[in-house]
PDB file of all heavy atoms in Angstrom:
ATOM      1  N   GLY A   1     -26.591 170.463 -42.022  1.00  0.00           N
ATOM      2  CA  GLY A   1     -26.574 171.894 -42.316  1.00  0.00           C
ATOM      3  C   GLY A   1     -25.146 172.434 -42.360  1.00  0.00           C
ATOM      4  O   GLY A   1     -24.972 173.527 -42.973  1.00  0.00           O
ATOM      5  N   ARG A   2     -24.250 171.679 -41.780  1.00  0.00           N
ATOM      6  CA  ARG A   2     -22.750 172.176 -41.788  1.00  0.00           C
ATOM      7  C   ARG A   2     -21.919 171.295 -42.547  1.00  0.00           C
ATOM      8  O   ARG A   2     -20.952 171.648 -43.213  1.00  0.00           O
ATOM      9  CB  ARG A   2     -22.262 172.364 -40.322  1.00  0.00           C
ATOM     10  CG  ARG A   2     -22.966 173.361 -39.526  1.00  0.00           C
ATOM     11  CD  ARG A   2     -22.124 173.710 -38.286  1.00  0.00           C
ATOM     12  NE  ARG A   2     -22.009 172.599 -37.415  1.00  0.00           N
ATOM     13  CZ  ARG A   2     -20.733 172.151 -37.047  1.00  0.00           C
ATOM     14  NH1 ARG A   2     -19.672 172.758 -37.459  1.00  0.00           N
ATOM     15  NH2 ARG A   2     -20.660 171.052 -36.255  1.00  0.00           N
ATOM     16  N   PHE A   3     -22.224 169.996 -42.502  1.00  0.00           N
ATOM     17  CA  PHE A   3     -21.297 168.975 -43.185  1.00  0.00           C
ATOM     18  C   PHE A   3     -22.017 168.424 -44.313  1.00  0.00           C
ATOM     19  O   PHE A   3     -23.290 168.144 -44.268  1.00  0.00           O
ATOM     20  CB  PHE A   3     -20.861 167.892 -42.201  1.00  0.00           C
ATOM     21  CG  PHE A   3     -19.882 168.277 -41.183  1.00  0.00           C
ATOM     22  CD1 PHE A   3     -19.634 169.607 -40.791  1.00  0.00           C
ATOM     23  CD2 PHE A   3     -19.109 167.334 -40.523  1.00  0.00           C
ATOM     24  CE1 PHE A   3     -18.783 170.037 -39.806  1.00  0.00           C
ATOM     25  CE2 PHE A   3     -18.190 167.724 -39.532  1.00  0.00           C
ATOM     26  CZ  PHE A   3     -17.991 169.051 -39.217  1.00  0.00           C
ATOM     27  N   ALA A   4     -21.314 167.966 -45.364  1.00  0.00           N
ATOM     28  CA  ALA A   4     -21.878 167.251 -46.478  1.00  0.00           C
ATOM     29  C   ALA A   4     -20.882 166.215 -47.069  1.00  0.00           C
ATOM     30  O   ALA A   4     -19.658 166.539 -47.107  1.00  0.00           O
ATOM     31  CB  ALA A   4     -22.309 168.189 -47.598  1.00  0.00           C
ATOM     32  N   ILE A   5     -21.383 165.125 -47.460  1.00  0.00           N
ATOM     33  CA  ILE A   5     -20.574 164.089 -48.005  1.00  0.00           C
ATOM     34  C   ILE A   5     -20.875 163.984 -49.530  1.00  0.00           C
ATOM     35  O   ILE A   5     -21.977 164.103 -49.952  1.00  0.00           O
ATOM     36  CB  ILE A   5     -20.752 162.736 -47.267  1.00  0.00           C
ATOM     37  CG1 ILE A   5     -19.718 161.714 -47.796  1.00  0.00           C
ATOM     38  CG2 ILE A   5     -22.157 162.287 -47.385  1.00  0.00           C
ATOM     39  CD1 ILE A   5     -19.734 160.419 -46.921  1.00  0.00           C
ATOM     40  N   SER A   6     -19.852 163.643 -50.264  1.00  0.00           N
ATOM     41  CA  SER A   6     -20.054 163.347 -51.717  1.00  0.00           C
ATOM     42  C   SER A   6     -19.016 162.453 -52.167  1.00  0.00           C
ATOM     43  O   SER A   6     -18.019 162.123 -51.446  1.00  0.00           O
ATOM     44  CB  SER A   6     -19.970 164.704 -52.512  1.00  0.00           C
ATOM     45  OG  SER A   6     -18.687 165.351 -52.346  1.00  0.00           O
ATOM     46  N   ARG A   7     -19.178 161.998 -53.425  1.00  0.00           N
ATOM     47  CA  ARG A   7     -18.238 161.059 -53.978  1.00  0.00           C
ATOM     48  C   ARG A   7     -17.983 161.378 -55.422  1.00  0.00           C
ATOM     49  O   ARG A   7     -18.938 161.806 -56.055  1.00  0.00           O
ATOM     50  CB  ARG A   7     -18.695 159.604 -53.691  1.00  0.00           C
ATOM     51  CG  ARG A   7     -19.964 159.171 -54.394  1.00  0.00           C
ATOM     52  CD  ARG A   7     -20.426 157.791 -53.890  1.00  0.00           C
ATOM     53  NE  ARG A   7     -19.420 156.751 -54.101  1.00  0.00           N
ATOM     54  CZ  ARG A   7     -19.447 155.611 -53.521  1.00  0.00           C
ATOM     55  NH1 ARG A   7     -20.387 155.331 -52.539  1.00  0.00           N
ATOM     56  NH2 ARG A   7     -18.534 154.697 -53.741  1.00  0.00           N
ATOM     57  N   ASP A   8     -16.789 160.985 -55.943  1.00  0.00           N
ATOM     58  CA  ASP A   8     -16.540 161.147 -57.377  1.00  0.00           C
ATOM     59  C   ASP A   8     -15.911 159.720 -57.715  1.00  0.00           C
ATOM     60  O   ASP A   8     -14.738 159.465 -57.491  1.00  0.00           O
ATOM     61  CB  ASP A   8     -15.520 162.181 -57.606  1.00  0.00           C
ATOM     62  CG  ASP A   8     -15.199 162.411 -59.111  1.00  0.00           C
ATOM     63  OD1 ASP A   8     -15.452 161.457 -59.871  1.00  0.00           O
ATOM     64  OD2 ASP A   8     -14.762 163.469 -59.482  1.00  0.00           O
ATOM     65  N   ASN A   9     -16.737 158.896 -58.290  1.00  0.00           N
ATOM     66  CA  ASN A   9     -16.243 157.443 -58.558  1.00  0.00           C
ATOM     67  C   ASN A   9     -15.201 157.473 -59.566  1.00  0.00           C
ATOM     68  O   ASN A   9     -14.358 156.560 -59.632  1.00  0.00           O
ATOM     69  CB  ASN A   9     -17.448 156.577 -58.945  1.00  0.00           C
ATOM     70  CG  ASN A   9     -18.373 156.271 -57.743  1.00  0.00           C
ATOM     71  OD1 ASN A   9     -17.909 156.320 -56.647  1.00  0.00           O
ATOM     72  ND2 ASN A   9     -19.659 156.127 -58.082  1.00  0.00           N
ATOM     73  N   ALA A  10     -15.215 158.446 -60.533  1.00  0.00           N
ATOM     74  CA  ALA A  10     -14.217 158.480 -61.557  1.00  0.00           C
ATOM     75  C   ALA A  10     -12.823 158.696 -61.065  1.00  0.00           C
ATOM     76  O   ALA A  10     -11.820 158.278 -61.533  1.00  0.00           O
ATOM     77  CB  ALA A  10     -14.520 159.480 -62.572  1.00  0.00           C
ATOM     78  N   LYS A  11     -12.789 159.333 -59.803  1.00  0.00           N
ATOM     79  CA  LYS A  11     -11.549 159.614 -59.181  1.00  0.00           C
ATOM     80  C   LYS A  11     -11.300 158.716 -57.932  1.00  0.00           C
ATOM     81  O   LYS A  11     -10.336 158.870 -57.248  1.00  0.00           O
ATOM     82  CB  LYS A  11     -11.481 161.093 -58.684  1.00  0.00           C
ATOM     83  CG  LYS A  11     -11.493 162.092 -59.805  1.00  0.00           C
ATOM     84  CD  LYS A  11     -11.426 163.505 -59.308  1.00  0.00           C
ATOM     85  CE  LYS A  11     -11.349 164.558 -60.410  1.00  0.00           C
ATOM     86  NZ  LYS A  11     -11.315 165.941 -60.001  1.00  0.00           N
ATOM     87  N   ASN A  12     -12.218 157.776 -57.703  1.00  0.00           N
ATOM     88  CA  ASN A  12     -12.069 156.876 -56.566  1.00  0.00           C
ATOM     89  C   ASN A  12     -11.955 157.642 -55.249  1.00  0.00           C
ATOM     90  O   ASN A  12     -11.097 157.327 -54.361  1.00  0.00           O
ATOM     91  CB  ASN A  12     -10.882 155.873 -56.740  1.00  0.00           C
ATOM     92  CG  ASN A  12     -11.117 154.977 -57.962  1.00  0.00           C
ATOM     93  OD1 ASN A  12     -12.209 154.691 -58.308  1.00  0.00           O
ATOM     94  ND2 ASN A  12     -10.001 154.555 -58.565  1.00  0.00           N
ATOM     95  N   THR A  13     -12.700 158.714 -55.173  1.00  0.00           N
ATOM     96  CA  THR A  13     -12.559 159.631 -54.024  1.00  0.00           C
ATOM     97  C   THR A  13     -13.879 160.019 -53.433  1.00  0.00           C
ATOM     98  O   THR A  13     -14.810 160.195 -54.092  1.00  0.00           O
ATOM     99  CB  THR A  13     -11.835 160.901 -54.451  1.00  0.00           C
ATOM    100  OG1 THR A  13     -10.516 160.563 -55.031  1.00  0.00           O
ATOM    101  CG2 THR A  13     -11.599 161.867 -53.271  1.00  0.00           C
ATOM    102  N   VAL A  14     -13.902 160.080 -51.991  1.00  0.00           N
ATOM    103  CA  VAL A  14     -15.019 160.548 -51.304  1.00  0.00           C
ATOM    104  C   VAL A  14     -14.615 161.861 -50.607  1.00  0.00           C
ATOM    105  O   VAL A  14     -13.445 161.994 -50.093  1.00  0.00           O
ATOM    106  CB  VAL A  14     -15.436 159.481 -50.297  1.00  0.00           C
ATOM    107  CG1 VAL A  14     -16.608 159.981 -49.398  1.00  0.00           C
ATOM    108  CG2 VAL A  14     -15.837 158.238 -51.009  1.00  0.00           C
ATOM    109  N   TYR A  15     -15.473 162.778 -50.518  1.00  0.00           N
ATOM    110  CA  TYR A  15     -15.190 164.079 -49.886  1.00  0.00           C
ATOM    111  C   TYR A  15     -16.043 164.317 -48.662  1.00  0.00           C
ATOM    112  O   TYR A  15     -17.229 163.771 -48.559  1.00  0.00           O
ATOM    113  CB  TYR A  15     -15.423 165.193 -50.896  1.00  0.00           C
ATOM    114  CG  TYR A  15     -14.651 165.031 -52.147  1.00  0.00           C
ATOM    115  CD1 TYR A  15     -15.182 164.512 -53.314  1.00  0.00           C
ATOM    116  CD2 TYR A  15     -13.318 165.401 -52.249  1.00  0.00           C
ATOM    117  CE1 TYR A  15     -14.489 164.330 -54.476  1.00  0.00           C
ATOM    118  CE2 TYR A  15     -12.507 165.281 -53.393  1.00  0.00           C
ATOM    119  CZ  TYR A  15     -13.149 164.749 -54.471  1.00  0.00           C
ATOM    120  OH  TYR A  15     -12.395 164.624 -55.669  1.00  0.00           O
ATOM    121  N   LEU A  16     -15.608 165.110 -47.734  1.00  0.00           N
ATOM    122  CA  LEU A  16     -16.402 165.612 -46.733  1.00  0.00           C
ATOM    123  C   LEU A  16     -16.178 167.173 -46.616  1.00  0.00           C
ATOM    124  O   LEU A  16     -15.054 167.626 -46.276  1.00  0.00           O
ATOM    125  CB  LEU A  16     -16.016 165.075 -45.321  1.00  0.00           C
ATOM    126  CG  LEU A  16     -16.773 165.429 -44.119  1.00  0.00           C
ATOM    127  CD1 LEU A  16     -18.190 164.964 -44.215  1.00  0.00           C
ATOM    128  CD2 LEU A  16     -16.175 164.986 -42.799  1.00  0.00           C
ATOM    129  N   GLN A  17     -17.219 167.862 -46.953  1.00  0.00           N
ATOM    130  CA  GLN A  17     -17.199 169.387 -46.883  1.00  0.00           C
ATOM    131  C   GLN A  17     -17.694 169.761 -45.486  1.00  0.00           C
ATOM    132  O   GLN A  17     -18.764 169.356 -45.087  1.00  0.00           O
ATOM    133  CB  GLN A  17     -18.109 169.940 -47.962  1.00  0.00           C
ATOM    134  CG  GLN A  17     -18.136 171.484 -47.958  1.00  0.00           C
ATOM    135  CD  GLN A  17     -16.823 172.136 -48.327  1.00  0.00           C
ATOM    136  OE1 GLN A  17     -16.191 171.695 -49.233  1.00  0.00           O
ATOM    137  NE2 GLN A  17     -16.407 173.175 -47.583  1.00  0.00           N
ATOM    138  N   MET A  18     -16.798 170.494 -44.803  1.00  0.00           N
ATOM    139  CA  MET A  18     -17.175 170.955 -43.464  1.00  0.00           C
ATOM    140  C   MET A  18     -17.217 172.518 -43.428  1.00  0.00           C
ATOM    141  O   MET A  18     -16.199 173.099 -43.661  1.00  0.00           O
ATOM    142  CB  MET A  18     -16.162 170.353 -42.471  1.00  0.00           C
ATOM    143  CG  MET A  18     -15.985 168.863 -42.535  1.00  0.00           C
ATOM    144  SD  MET A  18     -14.925 168.208 -41.294  1.00  0.00           S
ATOM    145  CE  MET A  18     -13.372 168.962 -41.818  1.00  0.00           C
ATOM    146  N   ASN A  19     -18.316 173.018 -43.040  1.00  0.00           N
ATOM    147  CA  ASN A  19     -18.528 174.552 -42.992  1.00  0.00           C
ATOM    148  C   ASN A  19     -18.771 174.910 -41.551  1.00  0.00           C
ATOM    149  O   ASN A  19     -19.273 174.078 -40.698  1.00  0.00           O
ATOM    150  CB  ASN A  19     -19.598 174.914 -43.910  1.00  0.00           C
ATOM    151  CG  ASN A  19     -19.269 174.563 -45.394  1.00  0.00           C
ATOM    152  OD1 ASN A  19     -18.196 174.646 -45.870  1.00  0.00           O
ATOM    153  ND2 ASN A  19     -20.308 174.234 -46.105  1.00  0.00           N
ATOM    154  N   ALA A  20     -18.631 176.206 -41.291  1.00  0.00           N
ATOM    155  CA  ALA A  20     -18.941 176.751 -39.987  1.00  0.00           C
ATOM    156  C   ALA A  20     -18.384 175.877 -38.836  1.00  0.00           C
ATOM    157  O   ALA A  20     -19.042 175.519 -37.894  1.00  0.00           O
ATOM    158  CB  ALA A  20     -20.513 176.928 -39.782  1.00  0.00           C
ATOM    159  N   LEU A  21     -17.117 175.559 -38.984  1.00  0.00           N
ATOM    160  CA  LEU A  21     -16.440 174.748 -38.005  1.00  0.00           C
ATOM    161  C   LEU A  21     -16.409 175.286 -36.644  1.00  0.00           C
ATOM    162  O   LEU A  21     -16.334 176.531 -36.430  1.00  0.00           O
ATOM    163  CB  LEU A  21     -15.043 174.319 -38.473  1.00  0.00           C
ATOM    164  CG  LEU A  21     -15.071 173.323 -39.655  1.00  0.00           C
ATOM    165  CD1 LEU A  21     -13.701 173.378 -40.355  1.00  0.00           C
ATOM    166  CD2 LEU A  21     -15.340 171.931 -39.103  1.00  0.00           C
ATOM    167  N   LYS A  22     -16.507 174.417 -35.669  1.00  0.00           N
ATOM    168  CA  LYS A  22     -16.518 174.770 -34.302  1.00  0.00           C
ATOM    169  C   LYS A  22     -15.410 174.068 -33.581  1.00  0.00           C
ATOM    170  O   LYS A  22     -14.937 172.977 -34.017  1.00  0.00           O
ATOM    171  CB  LYS A  22     -17.824 174.328 -33.605  1.00  0.00           C
ATOM    172  CG  LYS A  22     -19.132 174.844 -34.238  1.00  0.00           C
ATOM    173  CD  LYS A  22     -20.381 174.323 -33.576  1.00  0.00           C
ATOM    174  CE  LYS A  22     -21.558 174.807 -34.257  1.00  0.00           C
ATOM    175  NZ  LYS A  22     -22.813 174.181 -33.673  1.00  0.00           N
ATOM    176  N   PRO A  23     -14.871 174.563 -32.376  1.00  0.00           N
ATOM    177  CA  PRO A  23     -13.853 173.855 -31.671  1.00  0.00           C
ATOM    178  C   PRO A  23     -14.220 172.413 -31.326  1.00  0.00           C
ATOM    179  O   PRO A  23     -13.376 171.554 -31.319  1.00  0.00           O
ATOM    180  CB  PRO A  23     -13.678 174.690 -30.466  1.00  0.00           C
ATOM    181  CG  PRO A  23     -14.023 176.093 -30.878  1.00  0.00           C
ATOM    182  CD  PRO A  23     -15.155 175.909 -31.846  1.00  0.00           C
ATOM    183  N   ASP A  24     -15.522 172.140 -31.140  1.00  0.00           N
ATOM    184  CA  ASP A  24     -15.955 170.795 -30.835  1.00  0.00           C
ATOM    185  C   ASP A  24     -15.845 169.879 -31.999  1.00  0.00           C
ATOM    186  O   ASP A  24     -15.905 168.596 -31.847  1.00  0.00           O
ATOM    187  CB  ASP A  24     -17.454 170.782 -30.422  1.00  0.00           C
ATOM    188  CG  ASP A  24     -17.626 171.323 -28.972  1.00  0.00           C
ATOM    189  OD1 ASP A  24     -16.644 171.399 -28.296  1.00  0.00           O
ATOM    190  OD2 ASP A  24     -18.787 171.495 -28.601  1.00  0.00           O
ATOM    191  N   ASP A  25     -15.553 170.424 -33.225  1.00  0.00           N
ATOM    192  CA  ASP A  25     -15.308 169.523 -34.338  1.00  0.00           C
ATOM    193  C   ASP A  25     -13.819 169.002 -34.414  1.00  0.00           C
ATOM    194  O   ASP A  25     -13.506 168.213 -35.267  1.00  0.00           O
ATOM    195  CB  ASP A  25     -15.630 170.273 -35.678  1.00  0.00           C
ATOM    196  CG  ASP A  25     -17.050 170.706 -35.765  1.00  0.00           C
ATOM    197  OD1 ASP A  25     -17.936 169.844 -35.425  1.00  0.00           O
ATOM    198  OD2 ASP A  25     -17.308 171.778 -36.288  1.00  0.00           O
ATOM    199  N   THR A  26     -13.049 169.438 -33.529  1.00  0.00           N
ATOM    200  CA  THR A  26     -11.671 169.013 -33.479  1.00  0.00           C
ATOM    201  C   THR A  26     -11.680 167.494 -33.177  1.00  0.00           C
ATOM    202  O   THR A  26     -12.249 166.969 -32.183  1.00  0.00           O
ATOM    203  CB  THR A  26     -10.941 169.753 -32.312  1.00  0.00           C
ATOM    204  OG1 THR A  26     -10.839 171.111 -32.667  1.00  0.00           O
ATOM    205  CG2 THR A  26      -9.514 169.094 -32.225  1.00  0.00           C
ATOM    206  N   ALA A  27     -10.969 166.780 -34.080  1.00  0.00           N
ATOM    207  CA  ALA A  27     -10.907 165.288 -34.000  1.00  0.00           C
ATOM    208  C   ALA A  27     -10.063 164.757 -35.177  1.00  0.00           C
ATOM    209  O   ALA A  27      -9.654 165.534 -35.974  1.00  0.00           O
ATOM    210  CB  ALA A  27     -12.316 164.789 -34.177  1.00  0.00           C
ATOM    211  N   VAL A  28      -9.734 163.470 -35.041  1.00  0.00           N
ATOM    212  CA  VAL A  28      -9.148 162.832 -36.201  1.00  0.00           C
ATOM    213  C   VAL A  28     -10.264 162.263 -37.010  1.00  0.00           C
ATOM    214  O   VAL A  28     -11.188 161.618 -36.432  1.00  0.00           O
ATOM    215  CB  VAL A  28      -8.220 161.683 -35.734  1.00  0.00           C
ATOM    216  CG1 VAL A  28      -7.721 160.930 -36.997  1.00  0.00           C
ATOM    217  CG2 VAL A  28      -7.115 162.145 -34.871  1.00  0.00           C
ATOM    218  N   TYR A  29     -10.320 162.555 -38.301  1.00  0.00           N
ATOM    219  CA  TYR A  29     -11.367 162.167 -39.133  1.00  0.00           C
ATOM    220  C   TYR A  29     -10.946 160.966 -40.055  1.00  0.00           C
ATOM    221  O   TYR A  29      -9.877 161.009 -40.672  1.00  0.00           O
ATOM    222  CB  TYR A  29     -11.816 163.272 -40.100  1.00  0.00           C
ATOM    223  CG  TYR A  29     -12.587 164.392 -39.358  1.00  0.00           C
ATOM    224  CD1 TYR A  29     -12.058 165.215 -38.387  1.00  0.00           C
ATOM    225  CD2 TYR A  29     -14.009 164.468 -39.603  1.00  0.00           C
ATOM    226  CE1 TYR A  29     -12.850 166.120 -37.708  1.00  0.00           C
ATOM    227  CE2 TYR A  29     -14.759 165.447 -38.887  1.00  0.00           C
ATOM    228  CZ  TYR A  29     -14.189 166.197 -37.930  1.00  0.00           C
ATOM    229  OH  TYR A  29     -14.944 167.081 -37.225  1.00  0.00           O
ATOM    230  N   TYR A  30     -11.773 159.926 -40.076  1.00  0.00           N
ATOM    231  CA  TYR A  30     -11.414 158.732 -40.665  1.00  0.00           C
ATOM    232  C   TYR A  30     -12.384 158.363 -41.847  1.00  0.00           C
ATOM    233  O   TYR A  30     -13.559 158.582 -41.643  1.00  0.00           O
ATOM    234  CB  TYR A  30     -11.462 157.517 -39.687  1.00  0.00           C
ATOM    235  CG  TYR A  30     -10.459 157.544 -38.571  1.00  0.00           C
ATOM    236  CD1 TYR A  30     -10.804 158.167 -37.376  1.00  0.00           C
ATOM    237  CD2 TYR A  30      -9.190 157.037 -38.735  1.00  0.00           C
ATOM    238  CE1 TYR A  30      -9.905 158.229 -36.367  1.00  0.00           C
ATOM    239  CE2 TYR A  30      -8.247 157.053 -37.716  1.00  0.00           C
ATOM    240  CZ  TYR A  30      -8.652 157.671 -36.488  1.00  0.00           C
ATOM    241  OH  TYR A  30      -7.723 157.730 -35.435  1.00  0.00           O
ATOM    242  N   CYS A  31     -11.881 157.822 -42.894  1.00  0.00           N
ATOM    243  CA  CYS A  31     -12.721 157.382 -43.987  1.00  0.00           C
ATOM    244  C   CYS A  31     -12.921 155.856 -43.832  1.00  0.00           C
ATOM    245  O   CYS A  31     -12.006 155.084 -43.391  1.00  0.00           O
ATOM    246  CB  CYS A  31     -11.966 157.720 -45.316  1.00  0.00           C
ATOM    247  SG  CYS A  31     -12.880 157.158 -46.805  1.00  0.00           S
ATOM    248  N   ARG A  32     -14.096 155.375 -44.188  1.00  0.00           N
ATOM    249  CA  ARG A  32     -14.353 153.938 -44.040  1.00  0.00           C
ATOM    250  C   ARG A  32     -15.032 153.415 -45.316  1.00  0.00           C
ATOM    251  O   ARG A  32     -15.934 154.124 -45.823  1.00  0.00           O
ATOM    252  CB  ARG A  32     -15.230 153.649 -42.892  1.00  0.00           C
ATOM    253  CG  ARG A  32     -15.351 152.236 -42.488  1.00  0.00           C
ATOM    254  CD  ARG A  32     -16.363 152.025 -41.408  1.00  0.00           C
ATOM    255  NE  ARG A  32     -17.711 151.946 -41.929  1.00  0.00           N
ATOM    256  CZ  ARG A  32     -18.778 151.563 -41.292  1.00  0.00           C
ATOM    257  NH1 ARG A  32     -18.642 151.243 -39.967  1.00  0.00           N
ATOM    258  NH2 ARG A  32     -20.032 151.591 -41.853  1.00  0.00           N
ATOM    259  N   LEU A  33     -14.608 152.268 -45.751  1.00  0.00           N
ATOM    260  CA  LEU A  33     -15.242 151.543 -46.880  1.00  0.00           C
ATOM    261  C   LEU A  33     -15.881 150.305 -46.310  1.00  0.00           C
ATOM    262  O   LEU A  33     -15.364 149.561 -45.579  1.00  0.00           O
ATOM    263  CB  LEU A  33     -14.245 151.230 -47.957  1.00  0.00           C
ATOM    264  CG  LEU A  33     -14.723 150.471 -49.191  1.00  0.00           C
ATOM    265  CD1 LEU A  33     -13.842 150.810 -50.384  1.00  0.00           C
ATOM    266  CD2 LEU A  33     -14.562 148.909 -48.941  1.00  0.00           C
ATOM    267  N   GLN A  34     -17.111 150.053 -46.755  1.00  0.00           N
ATOM    268  CA  GLN A  34     -17.873 148.869 -46.292  1.00  0.00           C
ATOM    269  C   GLN A  34     -17.883 147.816 -47.341  1.00  0.00           C
ATOM    270  O   GLN A  34     -18.253 148.058 -48.437  1.00  0.00           O
ATOM    271  CB  GLN A  34     -19.316 149.238 -45.935  1.00  0.00           C
ATOM    272  CG  GLN A  34     -20.101 148.013 -45.372  1.00  0.00           C
ATOM    273  CD  GLN A  34     -21.511 148.424 -45.014  1.00  0.00           C
ATOM    274  OE1 GLN A  34     -21.935 149.629 -45.129  1.00  0.00           O
ATOM    275  NE2 GLN A  34     -22.284 147.492 -44.547  1.00  0.00           N
ATOM    276  N   VAL A  35     -17.369 146.657 -46.976  1.00  0.00           N
ATOM    277  CA  VAL A  35     -17.490 145.474 -47.854  1.00  0.00           C
ATOM    278  C   VAL A  35     -18.354 144.463 -47.213  1.00  0.00           C
ATOM    279  O   VAL A  35     -17.777 143.713 -46.318  1.00  0.00           O
ATOM    280  CB  VAL A  35     -16.060 144.944 -48.166  1.00  0.00           C
ATOM    281  CG1 VAL A  35     -16.121 143.797 -49.169  1.00  0.00           C
ATOM    282  CG2 VAL A  35     -15.097 145.961 -48.646  1.00  0.00           C
ATOM    283  N   VAL A  36     -19.575 144.387 -47.545  1.00  0.00           N
ATOM    284  CA  VAL A  36     -20.590 143.523 -46.907  1.00  0.00           C
ATOM    285  C   VAL A  36     -20.581 143.768 -45.454  1.00  0.00           C
ATOM    286  O   VAL A  36     -21.008 144.792 -44.995  1.00  0.00           O
ATOM    287  CB  VAL A  36     -20.379 142.050 -47.222  1.00  0.00           C
ATOM    288  CG1 VAL A  36     -21.515 141.188 -46.786  1.00  0.00           C
ATOM    289  CG2 VAL A  36     -20.135 141.863 -48.752  1.00  0.00           C
ATOM    290  N   PHE A  37     -20.028 142.833 -44.600  1.00  0.00           N
ATOM    291  CA  PHE A  37     -20.033 143.045 -43.182  1.00  0.00           C
ATOM    292  C   PHE A  37     -18.560 143.344 -42.657  1.00  0.00           C
ATOM    293  O   PHE A  37     -18.406 143.235 -41.415  1.00  0.00           O
ATOM    294  CB  PHE A  37     -20.580 141.784 -42.429  1.00  0.00           C
ATOM    295  CG  PHE A  37     -22.002 141.493 -42.822  1.00  0.00           C
ATOM    296  CD1 PHE A  37     -22.331 140.371 -43.614  1.00  0.00           C
ATOM    297  CD2 PHE A  37     -22.975 142.331 -42.491  1.00  0.00           C
ATOM    298  CE1 PHE A  37     -23.625 140.137 -43.950  1.00  0.00           C
ATOM    299  CE2 PHE A  37     -24.296 142.128 -42.906  1.00  0.00           C
ATOM    300  CZ  PHE A  37     -24.629 141.027 -43.605  1.00  0.00           C
ATOM    301  N   SER A  38     -17.688 143.676 -43.542  1.00  0.00           N
ATOM    302  CA  SER A  38     -16.388 144.090 -43.064  1.00  0.00           C
ATOM    303  C   SER A  38     -16.015 145.472 -43.500  1.00  0.00           C
ATOM    304  O   SER A  38     -16.748 146.013 -44.442  1.00  0.00           O
ATOM    305  CB  SER A  38     -15.341 143.068 -43.538  1.00  0.00           C
ATOM    306  OG  SER A  38     -15.215 143.069 -44.971  1.00  0.00           O
ATOM    307  N   PHE A  39     -15.013 146.054 -42.927  1.00  0.00           N
ATOM    308  CA  PHE A  39     -14.696 147.434 -43.145  1.00  0.00           C
ATOM    309  C   PHE A  39     -13.278 147.668 -43.398  1.00  0.00           C
ATOM    310  O   PHE A  39     -12.381 147.011 -42.829  1.00  0.00           O
ATOM    311  CB  PHE A  39     -15.215 148.305 -42.016  1.00  0.00           C
ATOM    312  CG  PHE A  39     -16.631 148.117 -41.646  1.00  0.00           C
ATOM    313  CD1 PHE A  39     -17.012 147.357 -40.546  1.00  0.00           C
ATOM    314  CD2 PHE A  39     -17.630 148.711 -42.368  1.00  0.00           C
ATOM    315  CE1 PHE A  39     -18.280 147.108 -40.241  1.00  0.00           C
ATOM    316  CE2 PHE A  39     -18.935 148.544 -42.059  1.00  0.00           C
ATOM    317  CZ  PHE A  39     -19.348 147.733 -40.979  1.00  0.00           C
ATOM    318  N   VAL A  40     -12.976 148.659 -44.185  1.00  0.00           N
ATOM    319  CA  VAL A  40     -11.594 149.097 -44.413  1.00  0.00           C
ATOM    320  C   VAL A  40     -11.496 150.582 -43.922  1.00  0.00           C
ATOM    321  O   VAL A  40     -12.338 151.408 -44.310  1.00  0.00           O
ATOM    322  CB  VAL A  40     -11.122 149.016 -45.888  1.00  0.00           C
ATOM    323  CG1 VAL A  40      -9.749 149.523 -46.058  1.00  0.00           C
ATOM    324  CG2 VAL A  40     -11.252 147.585 -46.332  1.00  0.00           C
ATOM    325  N   TRP A  41     -10.470 150.895 -43.122  1.00  0.00           N
ATOM    326  CA  TRP A  41     -10.316 152.205 -42.593  1.00  0.00           C
ATOM    327  C   TRP A  41      -9.094 152.906 -43.152  1.00  0.00           C
ATOM    328  O   TRP A  41      -8.066 152.193 -43.399  1.00  0.00           O
ATOM    329  CB  TRP A  41     -10.158 152.159 -41.055  1.00  0.00           C
ATOM    330  CG  TRP A  41     -11.451 151.738 -40.379  1.00  0.00           C
ATOM    331  CD1 TRP A  41     -11.815 150.502 -40.051  1.00  0.00           C
ATOM    332  CD2 TRP A  41     -12.483 152.564 -39.859  1.00  0.00           C
ATOM    333  NE1 TRP A  41     -13.030 150.482 -39.419  1.00  0.00           N
ATOM    334  CE2 TRP A  41     -13.452 151.711 -39.264  1.00  0.00           C
ATOM    335  CE3 TRP A  41     -12.724 153.960 -39.886  1.00  0.00           C
ATOM    336  CZ2 TRP A  41     -14.645 152.214 -38.665  1.00  0.00           C
ATOM    337  CZ3 TRP A  41     -13.843 154.453 -39.309  1.00  0.00           C
ATOM    338  CH2 TRP A  41     -14.855 153.529 -38.710  1.00  0.00           C
ATOM    339  N   GLY A  42      -9.168 154.202 -43.262  1.00  0.00           N
ATOM    340  CA  GLY A  42      -7.971 154.940 -43.595  1.00  0.00           C
ATOM    341  C   GLY A  42      -7.191 155.228 -42.296  1.00  0.00           C
ATOM    342  O   GLY A  42      -7.600 154.825 -41.221  1.00  0.00           O
ATOM    343  N   GLN A  43      -6.118 155.903 -42.447  1.00  0.00           N
ATOM    344  CA  GLN A  43      -5.243 156.187 -41.306  1.00  0.00           C
ATOM    345  C   GLN A  43      -5.668 157.417 -40.518  1.00  0.00           C
ATOM    346  O   GLN A  43      -5.241 157.680 -39.438  1.00  0.00           O
ATOM    347  CB  GLN A  43      -3.810 156.371 -41.710  1.00  0.00           C
ATOM    348  CG  GLN A  43      -3.407 157.777 -42.196  1.00  0.00           C
ATOM    349  CD  GLN A  43      -3.989 158.090 -43.521  1.00  0.00           C
ATOM    350  OE1 GLN A  43      -4.515 157.308 -44.272  1.00  0.00           O
ATOM    351  NE2 GLN A  43      -3.928 159.428 -43.950  1.00  0.00           N
TER     352      GLN A  43
END
């Protein structure tokens, strides 16, 4: 109800829309790609 994920494959980009943010949402947000059983993380 507050967050939504989407992707644009033509731009090789994934988005996270965050609305009605709360102080508890404070964090470092990481993107992850899954390759079978392994993962690639952003910084």
